[in-house]
């Protein structure tokens, strides 16, 4: 009677990394004389100068209303950008500071929620995103926050900060198990982590007959 014993050939494990990164930047825009002239300028649009942030060129559009609504939109104005740009945008208003005796808030800005937006390529004509605040100019209050002013001498201005985070193209490259932090150098046979005595550290294939030894090699992924 004869039998055929099957052997298992294990090739060295490989590794790779996908690095996700982003570029950040911000811009501050001051609007002077807001409550005095907002009603007269209803329906108008005012654009900030061009500015560079997070690796791109932008402008902020300011839309005054009848005194009850103020809107800000961020426009991507890179020269006919051929690829979509994905970004997180957050608008904030500077808190009011009436005089030197007033207690300043711990956070000088009142943040609106983060907007996640994809600025489409120039051919799509979808290259802006923004927010609106409800403002009661007469009482110098809003539904959810005060009307902010910038300095003690200037009680009729608002300052808006725009934070921008643009996702970069992922960096993809080969890696090693050592760099991934998966190699354990201990001599404990009961350790379930990958060890440098296994094929990952050897150029020659290793024949493994014991299925439990094979399981030990990949136990870090099964734990």
N, C-alpha and C. Protein backbone atom coordinates (compact mmCIF):
# COMPACT_ATOMS: atom_id res chain seq x y z
N UNK A 1 0.86 -1.19 0.00
CA UNK A 1 0.00 0.00 0.00
C UNK A 1 0.89 1.24 0.00
N UNK A 2 0.57 2.21 -0.82
CA UNK A 2 1.37 3.43 -0.92
C UNK A 2 0.48 4.65 -0.75
N UNK A 3 1.09 5.77 -0.42
CA UNK A 3 0.32 7.01 -0.23
C UNK A 3 1.11 8.19 -0.79
N UNK A 4 0.40 9.23 -1.15
CA UNK A 4 1.02 10.45 -1.67
C UNK A 4 0.82 11.55 -0.64
N UNK A 5 1.92 12.11 -0.14
CA UNK A 5 1.84 13.16 0.88
C UNK A 5 1.91 14.53 0.20
N UNK A 6 0.89 15.32 0.40
CA UNK A 6 0.83 16.65 -0.24
C UNK A 6 1.64 17.65 0.57
N UNK A 7 2.46 18.43 -0.11
CA UNK A 7 3.23 19.50 0.53
C UNK A 7 2.63 20.85 0.15
N UNK A 8 2.76 21.79 1.01
CA UNK A 8 2.26 23.15 0.76
C UNK A 8 3.44 24.10 0.65
N UNK A 9 3.56 24.77 -0.46
CA UNK A 9 4.64 25.74 -0.67
C UNK A 9 4.10 27.13 -0.37
N UNK A 10 4.73 27.80 0.56
CA UNK A 10 4.28 29.13 0.97
C UNK A 10 5.23 30.19 0.43
N UNK A 11 4.70 31.12 -0.34
CA UNK A 11 5.52 32.22 -0.84
C UNK A 11 5.57 33.33 0.21
N UNK A 12 6.61 34.14 0.19
CA UNK A 12 6.74 35.21 1.19
C UNK A 12 5.57 36.19 1.10
N UNK A 13 5.02 36.63 2.22
CA UNK A 13 3.97 37.65 2.20
C UNK A 13 4.49 38.96 1.60
N UNK A 14 3.64 39.66 0.92
CA UNK A 14 4.00 40.97 0.38
C UNK A 14 3.22 42.05 1.10
N UNK A 15 3.59 43.30 0.89
CA UNK A 15 2.93 44.41 1.58
C UNK A 15 2.92 45.64 0.69
N UNK A 16 1.95 46.49 0.91
CA UNK A 16 1.87 47.76 0.19
C UNK A 16 1.15 48.78 1.07
N UNK A 17 1.25 50.05 0.68
CA UNK A 17 0.66 51.14 1.45
C UNK A 17 -0.08 52.11 0.54
N UNK A 18 -1.25 52.53 0.96
CA UNK A 18 -1.98 53.62 0.31
C UNK A 18 -2.01 54.78 1.30
N UNK A 19 -1.29 55.84 1.00
CA UNK A 19 -1.19 56.99 1.91
C UNK A 19 -2.18 58.07 1.48
N UNK A 20 -3.13 58.37 2.35
CA UNK A 20 -4.12 59.42 2.09
C UNK A 20 -3.68 60.70 2.80
N UNK A 21 -3.53 61.76 2.06
CA UNK A 21 -3.08 63.03 2.61
C UNK A 21 -3.96 64.17 2.11
N UNK A 22 -3.83 65.31 2.76
CA UNK A 22 -4.61 66.49 2.37
C UNK A 22 -3.76 67.74 2.56
N UNK A 23 -4.08 68.78 1.81
CA UNK A 23 -3.44 70.09 1.93
C UNK A 23 -4.46 71.08 2.48
N UNK A 24 -4.07 71.85 3.48
CA UNK A 24 -5.02 72.76 4.13
C UNK A 24 -4.59 74.22 3.95
N UNK A 25 -5.55 75.11 4.12
CA UNK A 25 -5.29 76.54 4.06
C UNK A 25 -6.53 77.29 4.53
N UNK A 26 -6.41 78.61 4.72
CA UNK A 26 -7.57 79.39 5.13
C UNK A 26 -7.45 80.82 4.62
N UNK A 27 -8.58 81.52 4.62
CA UNK A 27 -8.62 82.91 4.18
C UNK A 27 -9.64 83.65 5.05
N UNK A 28 -9.33 84.90 5.43
CA UNK A 28 -10.25 85.71 6.22
C UNK A 28 -10.74 86.88 5.38
N UNK A 29 -12.05 87.09 5.40
CA UNK A 29 -12.67 88.16 4.63
C UNK A 29 -13.46 89.06 5.57
N UNK A 30 -13.19 90.36 5.49
CA UNK A 30 -13.90 91.34 6.31
C UNK A 30 -14.89 92.12 5.46
N UNK A 31 -16.12 92.24 5.96
CA UNK A 31 -17.16 93.02 5.29
C UNK A 31 -17.48 94.21 6.19
N UNK A 32 -17.17 95.42 5.74
CA UNK A 32 -17.39 96.64 6.52
C UNK A 32 -18.73 97.27 6.13
N UNK A 33 -19.36 97.90 7.13
CA UNK A 33 -20.62 98.61 6.87
C UNK A 33 -21.76 97.68 6.53
N UNK A 34 -21.75 96.48 7.09
CA UNK A 34 -22.75 95.48 6.68
C UNK A 34 -24.18 95.93 6.97
N UNK A 35 -24.50 96.23 8.22
CA UNK A 35 -25.90 96.50 8.57
C UNK A 35 -26.41 97.80 7.96
N UNK A 36 -25.52 98.71 7.62
CA UNK A 36 -25.94 100.00 7.05
C UNK A 36 -26.35 99.89 5.60
N UNK A 37 -25.72 98.96 4.88
CA UNK A 37 -25.92 98.95 3.42
C UNK A 37 -26.46 97.63 2.88
N UNK A 38 -26.65 96.63 3.74
CA UNK A 38 -27.09 95.33 3.25
C UNK A 38 -28.42 95.41 2.50
N UNK A 39 -29.38 96.18 3.04
CA UNK A 39 -30.70 96.27 2.39
C UNK A 39 -30.60 96.93 1.02
N UNK A 40 -29.72 97.92 0.90
CA UNK A 40 -29.59 98.63 -0.37
C UNK A 40 -28.93 97.77 -1.44
N UNK A 41 -28.21 96.75 -1.01
CA UNK A 41 -27.44 95.93 -1.95
C UNK A 41 -28.05 94.55 -2.13
N UNK A 42 -29.30 94.43 -1.78
CA UNK A 42 -29.97 93.13 -1.89
C UNK A 42 -29.89 92.60 -3.33
N UNK A 43 -29.53 91.32 -3.46
CA UNK A 43 -29.45 90.71 -4.78
C UNK A 43 -28.12 90.89 -5.47
N UNK A 44 -27.23 91.69 -4.89
CA UNK A 44 -25.92 91.91 -5.49
C UNK A 44 -24.94 90.82 -5.05
N UNK A 45 -23.88 90.68 -5.82
CA UNK A 45 -22.82 89.76 -5.46
C UNK A 45 -21.49 90.50 -5.46
N UNK A 46 -20.70 90.27 -4.42
CA UNK A 46 -19.38 90.89 -4.31
C UNK A 46 -18.34 89.80 -4.16
N UNK A 47 -17.30 89.87 -4.96
CA UNK A 47 -16.26 88.84 -4.96
C UNK A 47 -15.00 89.35 -4.27
N UNK A 48 -14.41 88.51 -3.45
CA UNK A 48 -13.13 88.84 -2.83
C UNK A 48 -12.02 88.78 -3.88
N UNK A 49 -10.86 89.34 -3.58
CA UNK A 49 -9.73 89.14 -4.49
C UNK A 49 -9.35 87.66 -4.55
N UNK A 50 -8.60 87.31 -5.57
CA UNK A 50 -8.11 85.93 -5.67
C UNK A 50 -7.14 85.66 -4.52
N UNK A 51 -7.17 84.44 -4.02
CA UNK A 51 -6.20 84.05 -3.00
C UNK A 51 -5.84 82.58 -3.19
N UNK A 52 -4.67 82.22 -2.74
CA UNK A 52 -4.19 80.84 -2.85
C UNK A 52 -4.30 80.16 -1.50
N UNK A 53 -4.82 78.95 -1.51
CA UNK A 53 -4.95 78.15 -0.27
C UNK A 53 -5.11 76.69 -0.66
N UNK A 54 -4.47 75.83 0.10
CA UNK A 54 -4.58 74.38 -0.10
C UNK A 54 -4.23 73.96 -1.52
N UNK A 55 -3.27 74.67 -2.12
CA UNK A 55 -2.78 74.28 -3.43
C UNK A 55 -3.61 74.72 -4.60
N UNK A 56 -4.62 75.58 -4.38
CA UNK A 56 -5.47 76.04 -5.47
C UNK A 56 -5.76 77.53 -5.32
N UNK A 57 -6.40 78.10 -6.34
CA UNK A 57 -6.76 79.51 -6.33
C UNK A 57 -8.27 79.65 -6.19
N UNK A 58 -8.68 80.57 -5.30
CA UNK A 58 -10.09 80.69 -4.94
C UNK A 58 -10.53 82.16 -4.90
N UNK A 59 -11.84 82.34 -4.82
CA UNK A 59 -12.44 83.62 -4.46
C UNK A 59 -13.67 83.33 -3.61
N UNK A 60 -14.00 84.26 -2.71
CA UNK A 60 -15.20 84.13 -1.89
C UNK A 60 -16.24 85.13 -2.38
N UNK A 61 -17.43 84.64 -2.64
CA UNK A 61 -18.53 85.51 -3.05
C UNK A 61 -19.38 85.83 -1.84
N UNK A 62 -19.70 87.13 -1.68
CA UNK A 62 -20.53 87.62 -0.58
C UNK A 62 -21.85 88.11 -1.14
N UNK A 63 -22.96 87.59 -0.60
CA UNK A 63 -24.30 87.97 -1.06
C UNK A 63 -25.06 88.60 0.09
N UNK A 64 -25.18 89.95 0.14
CA UNK A 64 -26.02 90.57 1.16
C UNK A 64 -27.48 90.41 0.76
N UNK A 65 -28.36 90.44 1.76
CA UNK A 65 -29.79 90.32 1.47
C UNK A 65 -30.51 91.53 2.02
N UNK A 66 -31.72 91.34 2.52
CA UNK A 66 -32.51 92.45 3.02
C UNK A 66 -32.22 92.72 4.50
N UNK A 67 -31.10 92.22 4.98
CA UNK A 67 -30.74 92.40 6.38
C UNK A 67 -31.01 91.17 7.21
N UNK A 68 -31.72 90.19 6.66
CA UNK A 68 -32.04 88.98 7.40
C UNK A 68 -31.23 87.77 6.97
N UNK A 69 -30.50 87.88 5.90
CA UNK A 69 -29.75 86.74 5.40
C UNK A 69 -28.44 87.22 4.79
N UNK A 70 -27.37 86.50 5.07
CA UNK A 70 -26.08 86.79 4.47
C UNK A 70 -25.48 85.46 4.04
N UNK A 71 -24.95 85.44 2.83
CA UNK A 71 -24.44 84.19 2.25
C UNK A 71 -23.00 84.38 1.79
N UNK A 72 -22.23 83.32 1.94
CA UNK A 72 -20.85 83.29 1.47
C UNK A 72 -20.64 81.99 0.68
N UNK A 73 -20.02 82.14 -0.49
CA UNK A 73 -19.74 80.98 -1.32
C UNK A 73 -18.27 80.98 -1.72
N UNK A 74 -17.68 79.79 -1.69
CA UNK A 74 -16.29 79.63 -2.10
C UNK A 74 -16.27 79.14 -3.55
N UNK A 75 -15.51 79.86 -4.39
CA UNK A 75 -15.40 79.52 -5.81
C UNK A 75 -13.97 79.07 -6.12
N UNK A 76 -13.87 77.94 -6.79
CA UNK A 76 -12.57 77.48 -7.29
C UNK A 76 -12.36 78.09 -8.67
N UNK A 77 -11.27 78.81 -8.84
CA UNK A 77 -11.07 79.54 -10.10
C UNK A 77 -9.75 79.18 -10.75
N UNK A 78 -9.21 78.01 -10.45
CA UNK A 78 -8.03 77.55 -11.18
C UNK A 78 -8.32 77.58 -12.67
N UNK A 79 -7.34 77.96 -13.45
CA UNK A 79 -7.54 78.09 -14.89
C UNK A 79 -7.93 76.77 -15.55
N UNK A 80 -9.22 76.61 -15.81
CA UNK A 80 -9.77 75.45 -16.50
C UNK A 80 -9.15 74.15 -15.97
N UNK A 81 -9.32 73.91 -14.68
CA UNK A 81 -8.81 72.69 -14.07
C UNK A 81 -9.47 71.49 -14.72
N UNK A 82 -8.67 70.49 -15.07
CA UNK A 82 -9.15 69.36 -15.85
C UNK A 82 -9.69 68.23 -14.99
N UNK A 83 -9.38 68.24 -13.69
CA UNK A 83 -9.83 67.17 -12.81
C UNK A 83 -10.68 67.73 -11.68
N UNK A 84 -11.59 66.91 -11.19
CA UNK A 84 -12.41 67.31 -10.05
C UNK A 84 -11.53 67.50 -8.82
N UNK A 85 -11.92 68.44 -7.96
CA UNK A 85 -11.20 68.73 -6.72
C UNK A 85 -12.15 68.48 -5.55
N UNK A 86 -11.81 67.53 -4.70
CA UNK A 86 -12.63 67.21 -3.54
C UNK A 86 -12.08 67.92 -2.31
N UNK A 87 -12.95 68.62 -1.58
CA UNK A 87 -12.47 69.42 -0.46
C UNK A 87 -13.50 69.43 0.66
N UNK A 88 -13.00 69.75 1.87
CA UNK A 88 -13.86 70.07 3.00
C UNK A 88 -13.74 71.57 3.24
N UNK A 89 -14.88 72.25 3.33
CA UNK A 89 -14.92 73.70 3.48
C UNK A 89 -15.70 74.04 4.75
N UNK A 90 -15.15 74.94 5.56
CA UNK A 90 -15.83 75.36 6.77
C UNK A 90 -15.76 76.88 6.89
N UNK A 91 -16.94 77.53 6.97
CA UNK A 91 -17.00 78.96 7.19
C UNK A 91 -17.24 79.24 8.67
N UNK A 92 -16.59 80.29 9.18
CA UNK A 92 -16.74 80.69 10.58
C UNK A 92 -16.83 82.20 10.65
N UNK A 93 -17.54 82.70 11.68
CA UNK A 93 -17.60 84.14 11.92
C UNK A 93 -16.85 84.49 13.19
N UNK A 94 -16.17 85.62 13.17
CA UNK A 94 -15.42 86.08 14.33
C UNK A 94 -16.38 86.58 15.39
N UNK A 95 -16.15 86.21 16.64
CA UNK A 95 -17.02 86.63 17.73
C UNK A 95 -16.91 88.13 18.02
N UNK A 96 -18.00 88.69 18.51
CA UNK A 96 -18.05 90.10 18.89
C UNK A 96 -17.16 90.37 20.11
N UNK A 97 -16.53 91.54 20.14
CA UNK A 97 -15.75 91.99 21.30
C UNK A 97 -16.08 93.45 21.52
N UNK A 98 -16.96 93.73 22.46
CA UNK A 98 -17.46 95.10 22.64
C UNK A 98 -16.44 96.04 23.26
N UNK A 99 -15.77 95.59 24.32
CA UNK A 99 -14.76 96.44 24.93
C UNK A 99 -13.76 95.56 25.66
N UNK A 100 -12.75 96.21 26.22
CA UNK A 100 -11.66 95.46 26.84
C UNK A 100 -12.10 94.68 28.07
N UNK A 101 -13.23 95.08 28.70
CA UNK A 101 -13.68 94.41 29.90
C UNK A 101 -14.52 93.17 29.61
N UNK A 102 -14.96 93.02 28.35
CA UNK A 102 -15.78 91.87 28.00
C UNK A 102 -14.94 90.59 28.02
N UNK A 103 -15.55 89.56 28.49
CA UNK A 103 -14.86 88.27 28.51
C UNK A 103 -14.95 87.64 27.13
N UNK A 104 -13.79 87.33 26.58
CA UNK A 104 -13.75 86.72 25.26
C UNK A 104 -14.10 85.24 25.37
N UNK A 105 -14.81 84.71 24.39
CA UNK A 105 -15.12 83.28 24.40
C UNK A 105 -13.86 82.46 24.22
N UNK A 106 -13.91 81.22 24.69
CA UNK A 106 -12.74 80.35 24.56
C UNK A 106 -12.36 80.14 23.11
N UNK A 107 -13.35 80.02 22.25
CA UNK A 107 -13.10 79.88 20.82
C UNK A 107 -13.52 81.18 20.14
N UNK A 108 -12.58 81.91 19.51
CA UNK A 108 -12.93 83.20 18.91
C UNK A 108 -13.80 83.09 17.67
N UNK A 109 -14.05 81.89 17.19
CA UNK A 109 -14.87 81.72 16.00
C UNK A 109 -16.09 80.86 16.31
N UNK A 110 -17.19 81.15 15.62
CA UNK A 110 -18.36 80.32 15.69
C UNK A 110 -18.43 79.56 14.38
N UNK A 111 -18.19 78.27 14.44
CA UNK A 111 -18.06 77.48 13.24
C UNK A 111 -19.40 76.98 12.73
N UNK A 112 -19.55 77.00 11.45
CA UNK A 112 -20.66 76.31 10.81
C UNK A 112 -20.20 74.90 10.49
N UNK A 113 -21.12 74.03 10.14
CA UNK A 113 -20.77 72.65 9.85
C UNK A 113 -19.84 72.58 8.64
N UNK A 114 -19.06 71.52 8.60
CA UNK A 114 -18.13 71.31 7.50
C UNK A 114 -18.89 70.86 6.26
N UNK A 115 -18.58 71.49 5.14
CA UNK A 115 -19.20 71.13 3.87
C UNK A 115 -18.22 70.27 3.09
N UNK A 116 -18.63 69.09 2.72
CA UNK A 116 -17.82 68.23 1.87
C UNK A 116 -18.32 68.37 0.45
N UNK A 117 -17.46 68.85 -0.42
CA UNK A 117 -17.91 69.22 -1.77
C UNK A 117 -16.87 68.83 -2.80
N UNK A 118 -17.35 68.40 -3.95
CA UNK A 118 -16.47 68.13 -5.09
C UNK A 118 -16.65 69.23 -6.11
N UNK A 119 -15.60 70.00 -6.30
CA UNK A 119 -15.61 71.06 -7.31
C UNK A 119 -15.35 70.39 -8.66
N UNK A 120 -16.36 70.41 -9.50
CA UNK A 120 -16.26 69.71 -10.77
C UNK A 120 -15.34 70.43 -11.74
N UNK A 121 -14.87 69.69 -12.71
CA UNK A 121 -13.97 70.26 -13.72
C UNK A 121 -14.68 71.40 -14.45
N UNK A 122 -13.89 72.24 -15.10
CA UNK A 122 -14.42 73.47 -15.69
C UNK A 122 -15.56 73.21 -16.66
N UNK A 123 -15.54 72.06 -17.32
CA UNK A 123 -16.59 71.78 -18.31
C UNK A 123 -17.95 71.58 -17.67
N UNK A 124 -17.98 71.30 -16.35
CA UNK A 124 -19.26 71.03 -15.67
C UNK A 124 -19.88 72.30 -15.08
N UNK A 125 -19.09 73.34 -14.90
CA UNK A 125 -19.58 74.61 -14.36
C UNK A 125 -20.19 74.46 -12.96
N UNK A 126 -19.70 73.53 -12.18
CA UNK A 126 -20.13 73.39 -10.79
C UNK A 126 -18.88 73.53 -9.93
N UNK A 127 -18.54 74.76 -9.57
CA UNK A 127 -17.25 75.00 -8.92
C UNK A 127 -17.38 75.87 -7.69
N UNK A 128 -18.51 75.78 -6.97
CA UNK A 128 -18.67 76.59 -5.77
C UNK A 128 -19.54 75.87 -4.75
N UNK A 129 -19.36 76.27 -3.49
CA UNK A 129 -20.23 75.78 -2.42
C UNK A 129 -20.23 76.86 -1.33
N UNK A 130 -21.27 76.88 -0.50
CA UNK A 130 -21.33 77.93 0.51
C UNK A 130 -22.39 77.71 1.55
N UNK A 131 -22.59 78.76 2.38
CA UNK A 131 -23.54 78.71 3.48
C UNK A 131 -24.25 80.06 3.61
N UNK A 132 -25.32 80.05 4.40
CA UNK A 132 -26.07 81.28 4.67
C UNK A 132 -26.30 81.42 6.16
N UNK A 133 -26.25 82.66 6.66
CA UNK A 133 -26.59 82.98 8.05
C UNK A 133 -27.82 83.87 8.06
N UNK A 134 -28.73 83.61 8.99
CA UNK A 134 -29.87 84.51 9.20
C UNK A 134 -29.45 85.59 10.18
N UNK A 135 -29.64 86.85 9.80
CA UNK A 135 -29.15 87.97 10.59
C UNK A 135 -30.26 88.98 10.79
N UNK A 136 -30.41 89.49 12.03
CA UNK A 136 -31.30 90.59 12.32
C UNK A 136 -30.42 91.82 12.52
N UNK A 137 -30.25 92.60 11.48
CA UNK A 137 -29.30 93.71 11.53
C UNK A 137 -29.70 94.78 12.53
N UNK A 138 -31.01 95.01 12.73
CA UNK A 138 -31.45 96.07 13.64
C UNK A 138 -31.04 95.76 15.08
N UNK A 139 -31.29 94.53 15.50
CA UNK A 139 -30.97 94.17 16.87
C UNK A 139 -29.54 93.66 17.03
N UNK A 140 -28.80 93.62 15.95
CA UNK A 140 -27.42 93.13 15.96
C UNK A 140 -27.33 91.71 16.50
N UNK A 141 -28.33 90.89 16.17
CA UNK A 141 -28.32 89.50 16.58
C UNK A 141 -28.75 88.64 15.40
N UNK A 142 -28.44 87.35 15.50
CA UNK A 142 -28.92 86.40 14.52
C UNK A 142 -29.76 85.38 15.25
N UNK A 143 -30.39 84.53 14.48
CA UNK A 143 -31.21 83.49 15.08
C UNK A 143 -30.35 82.57 15.94
N UNK A 144 -29.14 82.29 15.49
CA UNK A 144 -28.32 81.33 16.21
C UNK A 144 -26.98 81.89 16.68
N UNK A 145 -26.71 83.17 16.48
CA UNK A 145 -25.43 83.73 16.91
C UNK A 145 -25.50 85.26 16.83
N UNK A 146 -24.64 85.98 17.53
CA UNK A 146 -24.64 87.43 17.42
C UNK A 146 -24.02 87.90 16.12
N UNK A 147 -24.30 89.14 15.76
CA UNK A 147 -23.62 89.74 14.62
C UNK A 147 -22.22 90.13 15.07
N UNK A 148 -21.22 89.58 14.46
CA UNK A 148 -19.86 89.74 14.95
C UNK A 148 -19.22 91.01 14.44
N UNK A 149 -18.44 91.61 15.28
CA UNK A 149 -17.67 92.77 14.83
C UNK A 149 -16.21 92.50 15.07
N UNK A 150 -15.37 93.26 14.40
CA UNK A 150 -13.95 92.96 14.36
C UNK A 150 -13.15 93.69 15.42
N UNK A 151 -13.38 94.99 15.57
CA UNK A 151 -12.63 95.78 16.55
C UNK A 151 -13.60 96.65 17.34
N UNK A 152 -13.10 97.24 18.44
CA UNK A 152 -13.94 98.09 19.27
C UNK A 152 -14.43 99.32 18.51
N UNK A 153 -13.59 99.85 17.62
CA UNK A 153 -13.94 101.08 16.90
C UNK A 153 -14.86 100.81 15.72
N UNK A 154 -14.99 99.57 15.34
CA UNK A 154 -15.75 99.23 14.14
C UNK A 154 -16.86 98.27 14.53
N UNK A 155 -18.07 98.83 14.78
CA UNK A 155 -19.16 97.98 15.26
C UNK A 155 -20.12 97.60 14.15
N UNK A 156 -19.73 97.77 12.91
CA UNK A 156 -20.62 97.46 11.81
C UNK A 156 -19.89 96.64 10.75
N UNK A 157 -19.13 95.65 11.20
CA UNK A 157 -18.42 94.80 10.26
C UNK A 157 -18.50 93.36 10.72
N UNK A 158 -18.33 92.46 9.79
CA UNK A 158 -18.25 91.04 10.11
C UNK A 158 -17.00 90.49 9.45
N UNK A 159 -16.38 89.53 10.10
CA UNK A 159 -15.20 88.88 9.58
C UNK A 159 -15.49 87.39 9.46
N UNK A 160 -15.30 86.87 8.29
CA UNK A 160 -15.57 85.46 8.02
C UNK A 160 -14.26 84.76 7.70
N UNK A 161 -14.09 83.63 8.31
CA UNK A 161 -12.92 82.79 8.02
C UNK A 161 -13.37 81.57 7.24
N UNK A 162 -12.62 81.25 6.20
CA UNK A 162 -12.93 80.09 5.37
C UNK A 162 -11.75 79.12 5.45
N UNK A 163 -11.98 77.94 6.03
CA UNK A 163 -10.95 76.90 6.11
C UNK A 163 -11.19 75.89 4.99
N UNK A 164 -10.11 75.51 4.33
CA UNK A 164 -10.20 74.63 3.17
C UNK A 164 -9.23 73.46 3.35
N UNK A 165 -9.74 72.27 3.14
CA UNK A 165 -8.88 71.07 3.16
C UNK A 165 -9.13 70.31 1.86
N UNK A 166 -8.09 70.20 1.04
CA UNK A 166 -8.20 69.53 -0.26
C UNK A 166 -7.51 68.18 -0.19
N UNK A 167 -8.21 67.14 -0.60
CA UNK A 167 -7.63 65.81 -0.63
C UNK A 167 -6.62 65.70 -1.77
N UNK A 168 -5.44 65.19 -1.45
CA UNK A 168 -4.40 64.98 -2.46
C UNK A 168 -4.61 63.64 -3.14
N UNK A 169 -3.91 63.45 -4.25
CA UNK A 169 -3.92 62.17 -4.93
C UNK A 169 -3.24 61.14 -4.03
N UNK A 170 -3.87 59.99 -3.78
CA UNK A 170 -3.26 59.00 -2.89
C UNK A 170 -1.89 58.55 -3.39
N UNK A 171 -0.97 58.38 -2.46
CA UNK A 171 0.35 57.86 -2.79
C UNK A 171 0.35 56.36 -2.54
N UNK A 172 0.59 55.57 -3.60
CA UNK A 172 0.54 54.12 -3.52
C UNK A 172 1.92 53.56 -3.81
N UNK A 173 2.42 52.72 -2.92
CA UNK A 173 3.76 52.16 -3.12
C UNK A 173 3.90 50.84 -2.37
N UNK A 174 4.87 50.02 -2.82
CA UNK A 174 5.17 48.78 -2.13
C UNK A 174 5.80 49.06 -0.78
N UNK A 175 5.66 48.11 0.14
CA UNK A 175 6.17 48.31 1.49
C UNK A 175 6.70 46.99 2.03
N UNK A 176 7.18 47.02 3.25
CA UNK A 176 7.66 45.81 3.91
C UNK A 176 6.84 45.54 5.16
N UNK A 177 6.82 44.29 5.57
CA UNK A 177 6.10 43.94 6.78
C UNK A 177 6.71 44.63 7.99
N UNK A 178 8.02 44.84 7.94
CA UNK A 178 8.69 45.52 9.05
C UNK A 178 8.16 46.94 9.19
N UNK A 179 8.02 47.65 8.07
CA UNK A 179 7.50 49.02 8.11
C UNK A 179 6.05 49.07 8.55
N UNK A 180 5.32 48.01 8.26
CA UNK A 180 3.92 47.97 8.67
C UNK A 180 3.76 47.64 10.14
N UNK A 181 4.86 47.30 10.81
CA UNK A 181 4.80 47.00 12.22
C UNK A 181 4.23 45.63 12.53
N UNK A 182 4.36 44.69 11.58
CA UNK A 182 3.77 43.37 11.76
C UNK A 182 4.79 42.31 12.18
N UNK A 183 6.08 42.63 12.15
CA UNK A 183 7.11 41.65 12.46
C UNK A 183 7.44 41.69 13.95
N UNK A 184 7.37 40.53 14.58
CA UNK A 184 7.74 40.38 15.99
C UNK A 184 9.06 39.62 16.05
N UNK A 185 9.98 40.06 16.89
CA UNK A 185 11.31 39.46 16.98
C UNK A 185 11.47 38.56 18.21
N UNK A 186 10.37 38.23 18.87
CA UNK A 186 10.48 37.39 20.06
C UNK A 186 10.74 35.93 19.67
N UNK A 187 11.11 35.10 20.65
CA UNK A 187 11.40 33.68 20.44
C UNK A 187 10.30 32.78 21.03
N UNK A 188 9.19 33.37 21.36
CA UNK A 188 8.09 32.64 21.99
C UNK A 188 7.30 31.88 20.92
N UNK A 189 7.28 30.55 21.02
CA UNK A 189 6.58 29.74 20.03
C UNK A 189 5.08 29.93 20.06
N UNK A 190 4.57 30.44 21.16
CA UNK A 190 3.12 30.64 21.26
C UNK A 190 2.67 32.01 20.75
N UNK A 191 3.63 32.86 20.38
CA UNK A 191 3.30 34.20 19.88
C UNK A 191 2.54 34.08 18.56
N UNK A 192 1.50 34.85 18.40
CA UNK A 192 0.64 34.77 17.22
C UNK A 192 0.99 35.80 16.15
N UNK A 193 2.03 36.58 16.35
CA UNK A 193 2.41 37.58 15.37
C UNK A 193 3.36 37.01 14.32
N UNK A 194 3.53 37.72 13.23
CA UNK A 194 4.50 37.33 12.21
C UNK A 194 5.91 37.47 12.77
N UNK A 195 6.79 36.56 12.39
CA UNK A 195 8.17 36.58 12.88
C UNK A 195 9.15 36.63 11.71
N UNK A 196 10.33 37.19 11.96
CA UNK A 196 11.29 37.35 10.88
C UNK A 196 11.95 36.04 10.46
N UNK A 197 11.60 34.94 11.09
CA UNK A 197 12.13 33.63 10.69
C UNK A 197 11.27 33.00 9.61
N UNK A 198 10.16 33.67 9.27
CA UNK A 198 9.26 33.12 8.27
C UNK A 198 9.62 33.64 6.89
N UNK A 199 8.96 33.14 5.85
CA UNK A 199 9.35 33.45 4.47
C UNK A 199 9.43 34.92 4.14
N UNK A 200 8.81 35.79 4.91
CA UNK A 200 8.87 37.22 4.61
C UNK A 200 10.30 37.72 4.63
N UNK A 201 11.18 37.06 5.39
CA UNK A 201 12.57 37.47 5.50
C UNK A 201 13.50 36.62 4.64
N UNK A 202 12.95 35.71 3.86
CA UNK A 202 13.77 34.80 3.08
C UNK A 202 13.43 34.89 1.61
N UNK A 203 14.46 34.73 0.77
CA UNK A 203 14.23 34.79 -0.68
C UNK A 203 13.81 33.44 -1.22
N UNK A 204 13.99 32.34 -0.45
CA UNK A 204 13.68 31.00 -0.91
C UNK A 204 12.33 30.56 -0.38
N UNK A 205 11.52 29.91 -1.23
CA UNK A 205 10.24 29.36 -0.75
C UNK A 205 10.49 28.31 0.32
N UNK A 206 9.59 28.20 1.27
CA UNK A 206 9.71 27.24 2.35
C UNK A 206 8.55 26.26 2.25
N UNK A 207 8.88 24.97 2.38
CA UNK A 207 7.86 23.94 2.34
C UNK A 207 7.32 23.73 3.74
N UNK A 208 6.03 23.86 3.90
CA UNK A 208 5.40 23.73 5.20
C UNK A 208 4.42 22.56 5.15
N UNK A 209 4.63 21.59 6.02
CA UNK A 209 3.76 20.42 6.06
C UNK A 209 2.70 20.51 7.14
N UNK A 210 2.93 21.38 8.11
CA UNK A 210 2.04 21.47 9.26
C UNK A 210 1.05 22.62 9.06
N UNK A 211 -0.23 22.29 8.99
CA UNK A 211 -1.22 23.34 8.75
C UNK A 211 -1.26 24.34 9.90
N UNK A 212 -0.86 23.91 11.12
CA UNK A 212 -0.87 24.83 12.24
C UNK A 212 0.28 25.83 12.12
N UNK A 213 1.37 25.39 11.54
CA UNK A 213 2.47 26.33 11.31
C UNK A 213 2.07 27.38 10.30
N UNK A 214 1.31 26.95 9.29
CA UNK A 214 0.83 27.91 8.29
C UNK A 214 -0.14 28.91 8.95
N UNK A 215 -0.97 28.40 9.84
CA UNK A 215 -1.90 29.28 10.55
C UNK A 215 -1.15 30.27 11.42
N UNK A 216 -0.04 29.85 12.02
CA UNK A 216 0.75 30.74 12.86
C UNK A 216 1.32 31.90 12.06
N UNK A 217 1.68 31.61 10.79
CA UNK A 217 2.24 32.64 9.93
C UNK A 217 1.26 33.77 9.71
N UNK A 218 -0.02 33.42 9.56
CA UNK A 218 -1.02 34.44 9.26
C UNK A 218 -1.96 34.71 10.44
N UNK A 219 -1.55 34.30 11.63
CA UNK A 219 -2.43 34.42 12.79
C UNK A 219 -2.74 35.86 13.14
N UNK A 220 -1.84 36.81 12.78
CA UNK A 220 -2.10 38.22 13.10
C UNK A 220 -3.31 38.75 12.36
N UNK A 221 -3.62 38.13 11.22
CA UNK A 221 -4.79 38.58 10.47
C UNK A 221 -6.06 37.88 10.94
N UNK A 222 -5.88 36.77 11.68
CA UNK A 222 -7.03 36.00 12.14
C UNK A 222 -7.42 36.32 13.57
N UNK A 223 -6.48 36.97 14.32
CA UNK A 223 -6.72 37.23 15.75
C UNK A 223 -7.86 38.18 15.94
